[in-house]
Amino acid sequence: MKEYVLKNGLLLIDKMDNRYKEYISEKEKTGISPDELWSLDHSLSIFLLPRLKTFKERKGGYPAHLGSVEKWDEILESMIKAFTIIANDEHCFPDEARQKILDTGLDNFSKYLMDLWS
């Protein structure tokens, strides 16, 4: 089993990898480990997913133009589903159903990014 270090919310390279010390040093200097950039979509999903879930649970309201908290929940859930697919590395060759989930969730993330505040 691989052993990873969790730092600043993102997984770093396996401790057994010969680049580990170099990557830790880079992370300490810049705040970014080079392996976080290999698949930035994945790294961002790992960062965003728990925050979107908590935001949905703790929300203090919803954008007024949506008309209901239920509509806002549907939109947030679509984002969560899309980022879950990406975080689980299930987005590389999606079937039609999975592609629709990705498209809907990522479109909603783009559309409602400025409404993600409480």
N, C-alpha and C. Protein backbone atom coordinates (compact mmCIF):
# COMPACT_ATOMS: atom_id res chain seq x y z
N MET A 1 0.84 -1.18 0.00
CA MET A 1 0.00 0.00 0.00
C MET A 1 0.88 1.25 0.00
N LYS A 2 0.52 2.22 -0.82
CA LYS A 2 1.28 3.45 -0.90
C LYS A 2 1.03 4.30 0.34
N GLU A 3 2.04 5.03 0.75
CA GLU A 3 1.91 5.92 1.89
C GLU A 3 2.08 7.35 1.38
N TYR A 4 1.10 8.16 1.60
CA TYR A 4 1.13 9.54 1.15
C TYR A 4 1.13 10.48 2.34
N VAL A 5 1.52 11.69 2.09
CA VAL A 5 1.48 12.73 3.10
C VAL A 5 0.40 13.71 2.68
N LEU A 6 -0.46 14.08 3.61
CA LEU A 6 -1.49 15.07 3.34
C LEU A 6 -1.01 16.40 3.90
N LYS A 7 -0.86 17.39 3.02
CA LYS A 7 -0.35 18.68 3.44
C LYS A 7 -1.09 19.75 2.66
N ASN A 8 -1.64 20.72 3.35
CA ASN A 8 -2.38 21.79 2.71
C ASN A 8 -3.52 21.26 1.86
N GLY A 9 -4.09 20.12 2.26
CA GLY A 9 -5.27 19.62 1.60
C GLY A 9 -5.04 18.78 0.36
N LEU A 10 -3.79 18.58 -0.05
CA LEU A 10 -3.55 17.80 -1.27
C LEU A 10 -2.58 16.67 -1.00
N LEU A 11 -2.75 15.60 -1.73
CA LEU A 11 -1.86 14.46 -1.60
C LEU A 11 -0.54 14.74 -2.31
N LEU A 12 0.51 14.32 -1.66
CA LEU A 12 1.83 14.42 -2.28
C LEU A 12 2.26 13.05 -2.76
N ILE A 13 3.36 13.04 -3.43
CA ILE A 13 3.92 11.82 -4.02
C ILE A 13 4.18 10.76 -2.94
N ASP A 14 4.14 9.51 -3.34
CA ASP A 14 4.39 8.37 -2.47
C ASP A 14 5.76 8.52 -1.81
N LYS A 15 5.83 8.22 -0.52
CA LYS A 15 7.09 8.36 0.23
C LYS A 15 8.22 7.49 -0.32
N MET A 16 7.87 6.41 -1.01
CA MET A 16 8.89 5.51 -1.54
C MET A 16 9.46 5.99 -2.88
N ASP A 17 8.88 6.99 -3.48
CA ASP A 17 9.34 7.53 -4.75
C ASP A 17 10.66 8.28 -4.51
N ASN A 18 11.63 8.08 -5.38
CA ASN A 18 12.95 8.71 -5.20
C ASN A 18 12.89 10.24 -5.34
N ARG A 19 11.80 10.78 -5.84
CA ARG A 19 11.66 12.23 -5.96
C ARG A 19 11.00 12.86 -4.73
N TYR A 20 10.63 12.04 -3.77
CA TYR A 20 9.85 12.49 -2.62
C TYR A 20 10.49 13.70 -1.90
N LYS A 21 11.77 13.58 -1.53
CA LYS A 21 12.43 14.66 -0.79
C LYS A 21 12.48 15.95 -1.61
N GLU A 22 12.75 15.82 -2.89
CA GLU A 22 12.77 16.99 -3.78
C GLU A 22 11.39 17.67 -3.82
N TYR A 23 10.35 16.86 -3.90
CA TYR A 23 8.99 17.41 -3.99
C TYR A 23 8.55 18.05 -2.68
N ILE A 24 8.94 17.44 -1.57
CA ILE A 24 8.63 18.03 -0.26
C ILE A 24 9.34 19.38 -0.13
N SER A 25 10.59 19.44 -0.55
CA SER A 25 11.35 20.68 -0.51
C SER A 25 10.68 21.76 -1.35
N GLU A 26 10.25 21.39 -2.55
CA GLU A 26 9.56 22.35 -3.44
C GLU A 26 8.25 22.82 -2.80
N LYS A 27 7.53 21.89 -2.17
CA LYS A 27 6.26 22.25 -1.52
C LYS A 27 6.52 23.23 -0.38
N GLU A 28 7.56 23.01 0.39
CA GLU A 28 7.88 23.91 1.49
C GLU A 28 8.30 25.29 1.00
N LYS A 29 9.01 25.36 -0.14
CA LYS A 29 9.45 26.64 -0.69
C LYS A 29 8.31 27.42 -1.34
N THR A 30 7.52 26.73 -2.15
CA THR A 30 6.53 27.43 -2.99
C THR A 30 5.08 27.20 -2.58
N GLY A 31 4.85 26.17 -1.73
CA GLY A 31 3.49 25.81 -1.37
C GLY A 31 2.85 24.86 -2.37
N ILE A 32 3.60 24.51 -3.41
CA ILE A 32 3.08 23.62 -4.46
C ILE A 32 4.08 22.51 -4.71
N SER A 33 3.60 21.28 -4.65
CA SER A 33 4.44 20.14 -5.00
C SER A 33 4.27 19.88 -6.49
N PRO A 34 5.36 19.59 -7.20
CA PRO A 34 5.23 19.35 -8.64
C PRO A 34 4.20 18.29 -9.01
N ASP A 35 4.00 17.28 -8.16
CA ASP A 35 3.04 16.25 -8.51
C ASP A 35 1.59 16.76 -8.47
N GLU A 36 1.35 17.86 -7.78
CA GLU A 36 0.02 18.46 -7.79
C GLU A 36 -0.34 19.01 -9.17
N LEU A 37 0.67 19.28 -9.97
CA LEU A 37 0.46 19.86 -11.30
C LEU A 37 0.35 18.80 -12.39
N TRP A 38 0.69 17.55 -12.09
CA TRP A 38 0.59 16.49 -13.09
C TRP A 38 -0.84 16.38 -13.58
N SER A 39 -1.76 16.49 -12.67
CA SER A 39 -3.17 16.36 -12.98
C SER A 39 -3.90 17.42 -12.14
N LEU A 40 -3.76 18.65 -12.57
CA LEU A 40 -4.29 19.76 -11.78
C LEU A 40 -5.81 19.64 -11.59
N ASP A 41 -6.50 19.08 -12.58
CA ASP A 41 -7.94 18.88 -12.41
C ASP A 41 -8.22 17.98 -11.21
N HIS A 42 -7.42 16.95 -11.05
CA HIS A 42 -7.57 16.04 -9.91
C HIS A 42 -7.22 16.74 -8.60
N SER A 43 -6.11 17.47 -8.58
CA SER A 43 -5.70 18.19 -7.37
C SER A 43 -6.76 19.21 -6.94
N LEU A 44 -7.29 19.94 -7.90
CA LEU A 44 -8.33 20.92 -7.57
C LEU A 44 -9.59 20.24 -7.06
N SER A 45 -9.93 19.10 -7.65
CA SER A 45 -11.12 18.37 -7.20
C SER A 45 -10.96 17.89 -5.77
N ILE A 46 -9.78 17.39 -5.43
CA ILE A 46 -9.52 16.95 -4.06
C ILE A 46 -9.69 18.12 -3.09
N PHE A 47 -9.25 19.29 -3.49
CA PHE A 47 -9.38 20.48 -2.65
C PHE A 47 -10.84 20.93 -2.55
N LEU A 48 -11.53 20.98 -3.68
CA LEU A 48 -12.89 21.53 -3.73
C LEU A 48 -13.96 20.61 -3.15
N LEU A 49 -13.83 19.33 -3.36
CA LEU A 49 -14.90 18.40 -3.02
C LEU A 49 -15.34 18.47 -1.56
N PRO A 50 -14.45 18.36 -0.58
CA PRO A 50 -14.92 18.43 0.81
C PRO A 50 -15.50 19.80 1.17
N ARG A 51 -15.01 20.83 0.53
CA ARG A 51 -15.52 22.17 0.80
C ARG A 51 -16.92 22.36 0.22
N LEU A 52 -17.15 21.82 -0.97
CA LEU A 52 -18.50 21.90 -1.55
C LEU A 52 -19.49 21.10 -0.71
N LYS A 53 -19.10 19.93 -0.24
CA LYS A 53 -19.98 19.12 0.59
C LYS A 53 -20.33 19.84 1.89
N THR A 54 -19.33 20.42 2.53
CA THR A 54 -19.57 21.15 3.77
C THR A 54 -20.40 22.40 3.51
N PHE A 55 -20.13 23.09 2.44
CA PHE A 55 -20.92 24.27 2.07
C PHE A 55 -22.38 23.89 1.90
N LYS A 56 -22.64 22.79 1.22
CA LYS A 56 -24.02 22.35 1.01
C LYS A 56 -24.70 22.04 2.34
N GLU A 57 -23.98 21.38 3.25
CA GLU A 57 -24.54 21.03 4.56
C GLU A 57 -24.81 22.26 5.43
N ARG A 58 -23.94 23.25 5.36
CA ARG A 58 -24.00 24.41 6.26
C ARG A 58 -24.55 25.68 5.64
N LYS A 59 -25.01 25.59 4.42
CA LYS A 59 -25.39 26.82 3.71
C LYS A 59 -26.35 27.67 4.55
N GLY A 60 -26.19 28.96 4.39
CA GLY A 60 -27.02 29.88 5.14
C GLY A 60 -28.15 30.45 4.30
N GLY A 61 -28.33 29.96 3.12
CA GLY A 61 -29.37 30.47 2.24
C GLY A 61 -29.14 29.97 0.83
N TYR A 62 -29.66 30.69 -0.12
CA TYR A 62 -29.53 30.32 -1.52
C TYR A 62 -29.63 31.59 -2.36
N PRO A 63 -29.11 31.56 -3.57
CA PRO A 63 -29.22 32.73 -4.44
C PRO A 63 -30.71 33.04 -4.71
N ALA A 64 -31.11 34.26 -4.46
CA ALA A 64 -32.52 34.65 -4.55
C ALA A 64 -33.12 34.36 -5.92
N HIS A 65 -32.34 34.53 -6.97
CA HIS A 65 -32.88 34.32 -8.31
C HIS A 65 -33.26 32.86 -8.60
N LEU A 66 -32.82 31.93 -7.75
CA LEU A 66 -33.17 30.51 -7.94
C LEU A 66 -34.57 30.20 -7.41
N GLY A 67 -35.01 30.96 -6.44
CA GLY A 67 -36.37 30.80 -5.94
C GLY A 67 -36.57 29.78 -4.83
N SER A 68 -35.63 28.84 -4.64
CA SER A 68 -35.81 27.87 -3.57
C SER A 68 -34.49 27.23 -3.16
N VAL A 69 -34.45 26.81 -1.92
CA VAL A 69 -33.28 26.10 -1.41
C VAL A 69 -33.14 24.74 -2.09
N GLU A 70 -34.25 24.14 -2.48
CA GLU A 70 -34.20 22.84 -3.16
C GLU A 70 -33.47 22.94 -4.50
N LYS A 71 -33.72 23.99 -5.24
CA LYS A 71 -33.03 24.22 -6.51
C LYS A 71 -31.53 24.39 -6.28
N TRP A 72 -31.18 25.14 -5.24
CA TRP A 72 -29.77 25.37 -4.90
C TRP A 72 -29.11 24.04 -4.52
N ASP A 73 -29.83 23.21 -3.76
CA ASP A 73 -29.29 21.90 -3.40
C ASP A 73 -29.02 21.04 -4.64
N GLU A 74 -29.91 21.08 -5.61
CA GLU A 74 -29.71 20.32 -6.85
C GLU A 74 -28.45 20.79 -7.58
N ILE A 75 -28.26 22.08 -7.63
CA ILE A 75 -27.10 22.66 -8.31
C ILE A 75 -25.81 22.28 -7.58
N LEU A 76 -25.81 22.42 -6.25
CA LEU A 76 -24.63 22.05 -5.48
C LEU A 76 -24.33 20.56 -5.62
N GLU A 77 -25.37 19.73 -5.59
CA GLU A 77 -25.18 18.29 -5.74
C GLU A 77 -24.59 17.94 -7.11
N SER A 78 -25.00 18.68 -8.14
CA SER A 78 -24.43 18.42 -9.48
C SER A 78 -22.94 18.73 -9.49
N MET A 79 -22.53 19.78 -8.79
CA MET A 79 -21.10 20.11 -8.69
C MET A 79 -20.36 19.01 -7.93
N ILE A 80 -20.94 18.57 -6.82
CA ILE A 80 -20.32 17.54 -5.99
C ILE A 80 -20.15 16.25 -6.79
N LYS A 81 -21.16 15.87 -7.55
CA LYS A 81 -21.06 14.65 -8.36
C LYS A 81 -19.95 14.76 -9.40
N ALA A 82 -19.86 15.90 -10.05
CA ALA A 82 -18.82 16.09 -11.07
C ALA A 82 -17.43 16.03 -10.46
N PHE A 83 -17.22 16.74 -9.35
CA PHE A 83 -15.89 16.74 -8.73
C PHE A 83 -15.56 15.40 -8.10
N THR A 84 -16.56 14.63 -7.70
CA THR A 84 -16.32 13.28 -7.19
C THR A 84 -15.79 12.39 -8.31
N ILE A 85 -16.37 12.49 -9.48
CA ILE A 85 -15.90 11.72 -10.64
C ILE A 85 -14.45 12.05 -10.94
N ILE A 86 -14.13 13.33 -10.93
CA ILE A 86 -12.75 13.75 -11.23
C ILE A 86 -11.80 13.31 -10.13
N ALA A 87 -12.19 13.50 -8.87
CA ALA A 87 -11.33 13.12 -7.75
C ALA A 87 -11.06 11.62 -7.73
N ASN A 88 -12.01 10.85 -8.21
CA ASN A 88 -11.85 9.39 -8.26
C ASN A 88 -11.20 8.92 -9.56
N ASP A 89 -10.71 9.85 -10.37
CA ASP A 89 -10.07 9.53 -11.66
C ASP A 89 -10.96 8.69 -12.57
N GLU A 90 -12.26 9.02 -12.59
CA GLU A 90 -13.21 8.29 -13.43
C GLU A 90 -13.67 9.15 -14.61
N HIS A 91 -12.90 10.16 -14.95
CA HIS A 91 -13.32 11.12 -15.97
C HIS A 91 -12.53 11.03 -17.29
N CYS A 92 -11.56 10.18 -17.34
CA CYS A 92 -10.71 10.14 -18.53
C CYS A 92 -11.42 9.65 -19.78
N PHE A 93 -12.19 8.59 -19.65
CA PHE A 93 -12.93 8.05 -20.78
C PHE A 93 -14.37 7.79 -20.35
N PRO A 94 -15.12 8.89 -20.09
CA PRO A 94 -16.47 8.72 -19.52
C PRO A 94 -17.46 8.19 -20.55
N ASP A 95 -18.40 7.40 -20.04
CA ASP A 95 -19.52 7.00 -20.89
C ASP A 95 -20.46 8.20 -21.01
N GLU A 96 -21.50 8.05 -21.78
CA GLU A 96 -22.41 9.18 -22.05
C GLU A 96 -23.06 9.72 -20.77
N ALA A 97 -23.47 8.83 -19.88
CA ALA A 97 -24.12 9.26 -18.64
C ALA A 97 -23.15 10.04 -17.74
N ARG A 98 -21.95 9.51 -17.62
CA ARG A 98 -20.94 10.18 -16.78
C ARG A 98 -20.54 11.52 -17.40
N GLN A 99 -20.45 11.59 -18.71
CA GLN A 99 -20.11 12.85 -19.38
C GLN A 99 -21.18 13.90 -19.11
N LYS A 100 -22.44 13.50 -19.10
CA LYS A 100 -23.53 14.43 -18.81
C LYS A 100 -23.42 14.97 -17.38
N ILE A 101 -23.08 14.10 -16.43
CA ILE A 101 -22.89 14.53 -15.04
C ILE A 101 -21.75 15.53 -14.96
N LEU A 102 -20.64 15.22 -15.63
CA LEU A 102 -19.50 16.14 -15.65
C LEU A 102 -19.87 17.48 -16.26
N ASP A 103 -20.52 17.44 -17.43
CA ASP A 103 -20.88 18.69 -18.12
C ASP A 103 -21.81 19.54 -17.26
N THR A 104 -22.82 18.92 -16.68
CA THR A 104 -23.78 19.66 -15.86
C THR A 104 -23.12 20.26 -14.64
N GLY A 105 -22.36 19.44 -13.91
CA GLY A 105 -21.72 19.91 -12.68
C GLY A 105 -20.69 20.99 -12.92
N LEU A 106 -19.86 20.81 -13.94
CA LEU A 106 -18.83 21.82 -14.22
C LEU A 106 -19.43 23.10 -14.80
N ASP A 107 -20.48 22.97 -15.60
CA ASP A 107 -21.19 24.16 -16.08
C ASP A 107 -21.78 24.93 -14.91
N ASN A 108 -22.40 24.19 -13.97
CA ASN A 108 -22.97 24.86 -12.80
C ASN A 108 -21.90 25.50 -11.93
N PHE A 109 -20.75 24.84 -11.80
CA PHE A 109 -19.66 25.43 -11.02
C PHE A 109 -19.23 26.75 -11.64
N SER A 110 -19.09 26.77 -12.94
CA SER A 110 -18.73 27.99 -13.64
C SER A 110 -19.81 29.06 -13.49
N LYS A 111 -21.02 28.67 -13.66
CA LYS A 111 -22.15 29.61 -13.63
C LYS A 111 -22.38 30.19 -12.23
N TYR A 112 -22.23 29.36 -11.19
CA TYR A 112 -22.59 29.76 -9.83
C TYR A 112 -21.39 29.98 -8.91
N LEU A 113 -20.19 30.04 -9.46
CA LEU A 113 -19.01 30.23 -8.63
C LEU A 113 -19.14 31.44 -7.70
N MET A 114 -19.64 32.52 -8.21
CA MET A 114 -19.74 33.74 -7.40
C MET A 114 -20.89 33.69 -6.39
N ASP A 115 -21.68 32.63 -6.41
CA ASP A 115 -22.74 32.43 -5.41
C ASP A 115 -22.29 31.51 -4.30
N LEU A 116 -21.06 31.04 -4.35
CA LEU A 116 -20.56 30.13 -3.32
C LEU A 116 -20.00 30.93 -2.14
N TRP A 117 -20.86 31.56 -1.43
CA TRP A 117 -20.51 32.29 -0.23
C TRP A 117 -21.68 32.16 0.74
N SER A 118 -21.39 32.34 2.00
CA SER A 118 -22.47 32.26 2.99
C SER A 118 -22.37 33.38 3.99
